[in-house]
Amino acid sequence: SGSTSSRRPSIGSRHSHARVLSSEDVLAGWLKKKHNRQTNMLNMNKEAIHCGWAKRFFNVDESQGTIGYAKAEKKKQSVVLPLADITAVTEGAVLEFPSPGHSVIIYSFLIKCPPWS
């Protein structure tokens, strides 16, 4: 009669098997973080793009309300951002590098959080 259910978001699309997230699910994994130095985008080549990015282990801690990253999964996080302070998450550039037999596609996104917003 008057009951309501609290549903968590599903992962997937209409073409894959969607599942409901549970409290045991962890949002964590390896991503590449762009270094803060400015790069001349007009003269960028494949090597310049790869040397401007560093592999980091990201983790979202729902109980603390934070997202952070470290150089390795078991190392102390070097940056921790409060999720409540994030002002925007925007899609970045999609870059494609053709290689013999396949292409390398790089997708990016930008998280804005004070004082960098």
N, C-alpha and C. Protein backbone atom coordinates (compact mmCIF):
# COMPACT_ATOMS: atom_id res chain seq x y z
N SER A 1 0.82 -1.19 0.00
CA SER A 1 0.00 0.00 0.00
C SER A 1 0.86 1.24 0.00
N GLY A 2 1.38 1.75 1.15
CA GLY A 2 2.13 3.00 1.16
C GLY A 2 3.62 2.80 1.22
N SER A 3 4.15 1.64 0.85
CA SER A 3 5.59 1.44 0.98
C SER A 3 6.32 1.99 -0.23
N THR A 4 7.52 2.50 0.03
CA THR A 4 8.37 2.98 -1.06
C THR A 4 9.67 2.21 -0.98
N SER A 5 10.30 2.02 -2.11
CA SER A 5 11.58 1.31 -2.11
C SER A 5 12.67 2.27 -2.52
N SER A 6 13.81 2.13 -1.90
CA SER A 6 14.97 2.94 -2.24
C SER A 6 15.81 2.14 -3.22
N ARG A 7 15.88 2.58 -4.46
CA ARG A 7 16.65 1.85 -5.48
C ARG A 7 17.95 2.58 -5.74
N ARG A 8 19.01 1.84 -5.82
CA ARG A 8 20.31 2.39 -6.18
C ARG A 8 20.43 2.38 -7.70
N PRO A 9 21.27 3.24 -8.28
CA PRO A 9 21.41 3.27 -9.72
C PRO A 9 21.91 1.94 -10.28
N SER A 10 21.53 1.65 -11.51
CA SER A 10 22.03 0.43 -12.16
C SER A 10 23.25 0.75 -13.00
N ILE A 11 24.05 -0.26 -13.20
CA ILE A 11 25.21 -0.14 -14.07
C ILE A 11 24.87 -0.89 -15.35
N GLY A 12 25.17 -0.28 -16.47
CA GLY A 12 24.92 -0.97 -17.73
C GLY A 12 24.05 -0.16 -18.65
N SER A 13 23.75 -0.75 -19.76
CA SER A 13 22.87 -0.08 -20.72
C SER A 13 21.82 -1.09 -21.15
N ARG A 14 20.97 -0.68 -22.03
CA ARG A 14 19.92 -1.59 -22.48
C ARG A 14 20.50 -2.77 -23.25
N HIS A 15 21.77 -2.66 -23.67
CA HIS A 15 22.40 -3.75 -24.42
C HIS A 15 23.24 -4.67 -23.54
N SER A 16 23.37 -4.35 -22.26
CA SER A 16 24.15 -5.20 -21.37
C SER A 16 23.27 -5.60 -20.18
N HIS A 17 23.78 -6.49 -19.38
CA HIS A 17 23.04 -6.92 -18.20
C HIS A 17 23.23 -5.90 -17.09
N ALA A 18 22.21 -5.12 -16.80
CA ALA A 18 22.29 -4.11 -15.75
C ALA A 18 22.15 -4.81 -14.41
N ARG A 19 22.81 -4.25 -13.40
CA ARG A 19 22.67 -4.78 -12.05
C ARG A 19 22.56 -3.62 -11.09
N VAL A 20 21.95 -3.87 -9.95
CA VAL A 20 21.77 -2.84 -8.94
C VAL A 20 23.00 -2.86 -8.04
N LEU A 21 23.56 -1.68 -7.76
CA LEU A 21 24.71 -1.59 -6.87
C LEU A 21 24.30 -1.92 -5.45
N SER A 22 25.16 -2.61 -4.73
CA SER A 22 24.90 -2.91 -3.33
C SER A 22 25.89 -2.14 -2.46
N SER A 23 25.69 -2.18 -1.15
CA SER A 23 26.57 -1.46 -0.24
C SER A 23 27.98 -2.04 -0.24
N GLU A 24 28.15 -3.28 -0.73
CA GLU A 24 29.48 -3.89 -0.79
C GLU A 24 30.26 -3.47 -2.03
N ASP A 25 29.60 -2.88 -3.02
CA ASP A 25 30.29 -2.47 -4.24
C ASP A 25 31.24 -1.33 -3.94
N VAL A 26 32.41 -1.39 -4.56
CA VAL A 26 33.43 -0.37 -4.37
C VAL A 26 33.71 0.27 -5.72
N LEU A 27 33.74 1.58 -5.76
CA LEU A 27 34.08 2.30 -6.98
C LEU A 27 35.56 2.67 -6.87
N ALA A 28 36.40 1.88 -7.53
CA ALA A 28 37.85 2.07 -7.45
C ALA A 28 38.49 1.44 -8.67
N GLY A 29 39.65 1.94 -9.03
CA GLY A 29 40.39 1.35 -10.14
C GLY A 29 41.44 2.28 -10.68
N TRP A 30 42.14 1.81 -11.69
CA TRP A 30 43.24 2.56 -12.29
C TRP A 30 42.73 3.51 -13.37
N LEU A 31 43.18 4.76 -13.30
CA LEU A 31 42.92 5.78 -14.32
C LEU A 31 44.23 6.50 -14.58
N LYS A 32 44.25 7.30 -15.62
CA LYS A 32 45.41 8.15 -15.86
C LYS A 32 45.04 9.58 -15.52
N LYS A 33 45.92 10.24 -14.76
CA LYS A 33 45.72 11.62 -14.31
C LYS A 33 46.64 12.51 -15.12
N LYS A 34 46.09 13.61 -15.63
CA LYS A 34 46.91 14.54 -16.40
C LYS A 34 47.70 15.42 -15.45
N HIS A 35 48.99 15.58 -15.76
CA HIS A 35 49.82 16.48 -14.95
C HIS A 35 49.31 17.91 -15.10
N ASN A 36 49.55 18.72 -14.10
CA ASN A 36 49.05 20.10 -14.09
C ASN A 36 49.81 21.06 -14.99
N ARG A 37 50.95 20.64 -15.53
CA ARG A 37 51.69 21.60 -16.37
C ARG A 37 50.94 21.89 -17.66
N GLN A 38 51.14 23.10 -18.11
CA GLN A 38 50.51 23.52 -19.36
C GLN A 38 51.28 22.93 -20.54
N THR A 39 50.57 22.49 -21.56
CA THR A 39 51.18 21.92 -22.76
C THR A 39 50.64 22.67 -23.97
N ASN A 40 51.50 22.89 -24.92
CA ASN A 40 51.08 23.53 -26.16
C ASN A 40 50.28 22.50 -26.97
N MET A 41 48.96 22.65 -27.00
CA MET A 41 48.08 21.68 -27.65
C MET A 41 48.32 21.61 -29.17
N LEU A 42 48.82 22.68 -29.78
CA LEU A 42 49.02 22.67 -31.23
C LEU A 42 50.19 21.79 -31.63
N ASN A 43 51.20 21.67 -30.77
CA ASN A 43 52.39 20.90 -31.11
C ASN A 43 52.41 19.54 -30.41
N MET A 44 51.27 19.09 -29.93
CA MET A 44 51.20 17.83 -29.19
C MET A 44 51.28 16.64 -30.14
N ASN A 45 52.07 15.65 -29.78
CA ASN A 45 52.10 14.40 -30.53
C ASN A 45 51.81 13.26 -29.55
N LYS A 46 51.83 12.03 -30.04
CA LYS A 46 51.48 10.87 -29.21
C LYS A 46 52.39 10.79 -27.97
N GLU A 47 53.69 10.97 -28.14
CA GLU A 47 54.62 10.88 -27.02
C GLU A 47 54.36 11.97 -25.99
N ALA A 48 54.05 13.18 -26.45
CA ALA A 48 53.79 14.29 -25.52
C ALA A 48 52.55 14.02 -24.69
N ILE A 49 51.53 13.41 -25.30
CA ILE A 49 50.30 13.11 -24.58
C ILE A 49 50.57 12.05 -23.51
N HIS A 50 51.29 11.00 -23.88
CA HIS A 50 51.54 9.94 -22.92
C HIS A 50 52.45 10.39 -21.79
N CYS A 51 53.45 11.26 -22.06
CA CYS A 51 54.34 11.69 -20.98
C CYS A 51 53.65 12.69 -20.06
N GLY A 52 52.53 13.29 -20.48
CA GLY A 52 51.80 14.23 -19.64
C GLY A 52 50.76 13.57 -18.74
N TRP A 53 50.69 12.25 -18.77
CA TRP A 53 49.69 11.51 -18.01
C TRP A 53 50.40 10.52 -17.09
N ALA A 54 49.83 10.32 -15.90
CA ALA A 54 50.41 9.38 -14.94
C ALA A 54 49.32 8.43 -14.44
N LYS A 55 49.67 7.16 -14.32
CA LYS A 55 48.74 6.14 -13.85
C LYS A 55 48.53 6.32 -12.34
N ARG A 56 47.26 6.37 -11.90
CA ARG A 56 46.93 6.53 -10.48
C ARG A 56 45.79 5.59 -10.12
N PHE A 57 45.77 5.13 -8.88
CA PHE A 57 44.68 4.30 -8.39
C PHE A 57 43.67 5.19 -7.69
N PHE A 58 42.46 5.28 -8.26
CA PHE A 58 41.40 6.12 -7.72
C PHE A 58 40.46 5.29 -6.86
N ASN A 59 39.89 5.94 -5.83
CA ASN A 59 38.95 5.26 -4.94
C ASN A 59 37.91 6.26 -4.45
N VAL A 60 36.63 5.86 -4.52
CA VAL A 60 35.55 6.65 -3.95
C VAL A 60 35.19 6.02 -2.61
N ASP A 61 35.25 6.82 -1.54
CA ASP A 61 34.90 6.34 -0.19
C ASP A 61 33.54 6.95 0.16
N GLU A 62 32.48 6.15 0.01
CA GLU A 62 31.13 6.65 0.27
C GLU A 62 30.93 7.03 1.72
N SER A 63 31.54 6.29 2.65
CA SER A 63 31.35 6.59 4.08
C SER A 63 31.97 7.92 4.46
N GLN A 64 33.09 8.28 3.81
CA GLN A 64 33.75 9.57 4.07
C GLN A 64 33.28 10.66 3.11
N GLY A 65 32.62 10.26 2.01
CA GLY A 65 32.18 11.23 1.02
C GLY A 65 33.33 11.85 0.26
N THR A 66 34.33 11.01 -0.14
CA THR A 66 35.52 11.54 -0.80
C THR A 66 35.89 10.71 -2.02
N ILE A 67 36.68 11.31 -2.90
CA ILE A 67 37.36 10.61 -3.99
C ILE A 67 38.83 10.96 -3.84
N GLY A 68 39.68 9.97 -3.95
CA GLY A 68 41.11 10.21 -3.81
C GLY A 68 41.90 9.32 -4.74
N TYR A 69 43.21 9.61 -4.84
CA TYR A 69 44.06 8.77 -5.66
C TYR A 69 45.45 8.68 -5.07
N ALA A 70 46.13 7.59 -5.45
CA ALA A 70 47.49 7.32 -5.01
C ALA A 70 48.27 6.71 -6.16
N LYS A 71 49.60 6.66 -6.03
CA LYS A 71 50.43 6.09 -7.09
C LYS A 71 50.31 4.57 -7.16
N ALA A 72 49.86 3.94 -6.08
CA ALA A 72 49.66 2.49 -6.07
C ALA A 72 48.46 2.17 -5.21
N GLU A 73 47.85 1.00 -5.45
CA GLU A 73 46.62 0.63 -4.76
C GLU A 73 46.79 0.61 -3.24
N LYS A 74 47.95 0.17 -2.75
CA LYS A 74 48.16 0.03 -1.30
C LYS A 74 48.87 1.24 -0.67
N LYS A 75 49.19 2.26 -1.46
CA LYS A 75 49.88 3.45 -0.92
C LYS A 75 48.87 4.45 -0.37
N LYS A 76 49.38 5.35 0.48
CA LYS A 76 48.55 6.43 1.03
C LYS A 76 48.15 7.37 -0.11
N GLN A 77 46.89 7.80 -0.10
CA GLN A 77 46.41 8.70 -1.14
C GLN A 77 47.11 10.05 -1.06
N SER A 78 47.56 10.53 -2.21
CA SER A 78 48.24 11.82 -2.26
C SER A 78 47.27 12.98 -2.41
N VAL A 79 46.06 12.70 -2.92
CA VAL A 79 45.03 13.72 -3.07
C VAL A 79 43.70 13.11 -2.66
N VAL A 80 42.94 13.86 -1.84
CA VAL A 80 41.59 13.45 -1.44
C VAL A 80 40.69 14.66 -1.61
N LEU A 81 39.62 14.50 -2.39
CA LEU A 81 38.67 15.59 -2.63
C LEU A 81 37.32 15.23 -2.02
N PRO A 82 36.71 16.15 -1.26
CA PRO A 82 35.35 15.91 -0.78
C PRO A 82 34.38 15.92 -1.97
N LEU A 83 33.56 14.89 -2.08
CA LEU A 83 32.60 14.83 -3.19
C LEU A 83 31.66 16.03 -3.17
N ALA A 84 31.32 16.52 -1.98
CA ALA A 84 30.39 17.65 -1.86
C ALA A 84 30.99 18.94 -2.42
N ASP A 85 32.32 19.01 -2.50
CA ASP A 85 32.98 20.22 -3.01
C ASP A 85 33.14 20.22 -4.53
N ILE A 86 32.87 19.11 -5.19
CA ILE A 86 33.02 19.05 -6.65
C ILE A 86 31.96 19.93 -7.29
N THR A 87 32.41 20.86 -8.12
CA THR A 87 31.49 21.81 -8.74
C THR A 87 31.04 21.35 -10.13
N ALA A 88 31.83 20.49 -10.79
CA ALA A 88 31.45 20.02 -12.12
C ALA A 88 32.29 18.81 -12.50
N VAL A 89 31.70 17.94 -13.29
CA VAL A 89 32.41 16.85 -13.96
C VAL A 89 32.02 16.96 -15.42
N THR A 90 33.01 17.23 -16.27
CA THR A 90 32.72 17.45 -17.68
C THR A 90 33.52 16.50 -18.55
N GLU A 91 32.94 16.17 -19.71
CA GLU A 91 33.61 15.31 -20.67
C GLU A 91 34.75 16.08 -21.31
N GLY A 92 35.89 15.43 -21.43
CA GLY A 92 37.04 16.06 -22.06
C GLY A 92 37.18 15.61 -23.49
N ALA A 93 38.35 15.80 -24.03
CA ALA A 93 38.63 15.44 -25.42
C ALA A 93 38.66 13.93 -25.60
N VAL A 94 38.31 13.51 -26.79
CA VAL A 94 38.47 12.12 -27.20
C VAL A 94 39.52 12.14 -28.29
N LEU A 95 40.64 11.48 -28.04
CA LEU A 95 41.75 11.46 -28.99
C LEU A 95 41.92 10.06 -29.54
N GLU A 96 42.17 9.96 -30.85
CA GLU A 96 42.37 8.65 -31.48
C GLU A 96 43.71 8.65 -32.19
N PHE A 97 44.47 7.58 -31.93
CA PHE A 97 45.77 7.41 -32.56
C PHE A 97 45.75 6.12 -33.38
N PRO A 98 45.71 6.22 -34.71
CA PRO A 98 45.71 5.01 -35.54
C PRO A 98 47.05 4.27 -35.41
N SER A 99 46.98 2.98 -35.28
CA SER A 99 48.15 2.10 -35.27
C SER A 99 47.87 0.98 -36.26
N PRO A 100 48.89 0.30 -36.74
CA PRO A 100 48.65 -0.82 -37.67
C PRO A 100 47.76 -1.88 -37.01
N GLY A 101 46.62 -2.14 -37.61
CA GLY A 101 45.73 -3.17 -37.11
C GLY A 101 44.74 -2.74 -36.03
N HIS A 102 44.95 -1.58 -35.42
CA HIS A 102 44.02 -1.11 -34.38
C HIS A 102 44.24 0.38 -34.13
N SER A 103 43.38 0.96 -33.35
CA SER A 103 43.52 2.36 -32.95
C SER A 103 43.52 2.44 -31.44
N VAL A 104 44.23 3.41 -30.93
CA VAL A 104 44.21 3.70 -29.50
C VAL A 104 43.31 4.91 -29.31
N ILE A 105 42.28 4.76 -28.49
CA ILE A 105 41.35 5.86 -28.23
C ILE A 105 41.47 6.25 -26.77
N ILE A 106 41.66 7.52 -26.51
CA ILE A 106 41.78 8.04 -25.15
C ILE A 106 40.56 8.91 -24.86
N TYR A 107 39.82 8.56 -23.81
CA TYR A 107 38.68 9.34 -23.36
C TYR A 107 39.11 10.07 -22.09
N SER A 108 38.60 11.27 -21.88
CA SER A 108 38.98 11.99 -20.67
C SER A 108 37.77 12.71 -20.08
N PHE A 109 37.91 13.06 -18.80
CA PHE A 109 36.92 13.88 -18.13
C PHE A 109 37.64 14.77 -17.13
N LEU A 110 37.00 15.86 -16.76
CA LEU A 110 37.59 16.84 -15.86
C LEU A 110 36.71 16.98 -14.62
N ILE A 111 37.34 16.87 -13.45
CA ILE A 111 36.64 17.08 -12.19
C ILE A 111 37.08 18.45 -11.69
N LYS A 112 36.12 19.35 -11.47
CA LYS A 112 36.43 20.68 -10.94
C LYS A 112 36.06 20.73 -9.47
N CYS A 113 37.00 21.18 -8.67
CA CYS A 113 36.82 21.26 -7.23
C CYS A 113 37.66 22.44 -6.73
N PRO A 114 37.11 23.31 -5.86
CA PRO A 114 37.90 24.44 -5.37
C PRO A 114 39.20 23.96 -4.75
N PRO A 115 40.26 24.72 -4.83
CA PRO A 115 40.37 26.09 -5.34
C PRO A 115 40.65 26.17 -6.83
N TRP A 116 40.62 25.04 -7.57
CA TRP A 116 40.96 25.03 -8.98
C TRP A 116 39.81 25.36 -9.90
N SER A 117 38.60 25.44 -9.40
CA SER A 117 37.43 25.73 -10.25
C SER A 117 37.54 27.07 -10.79
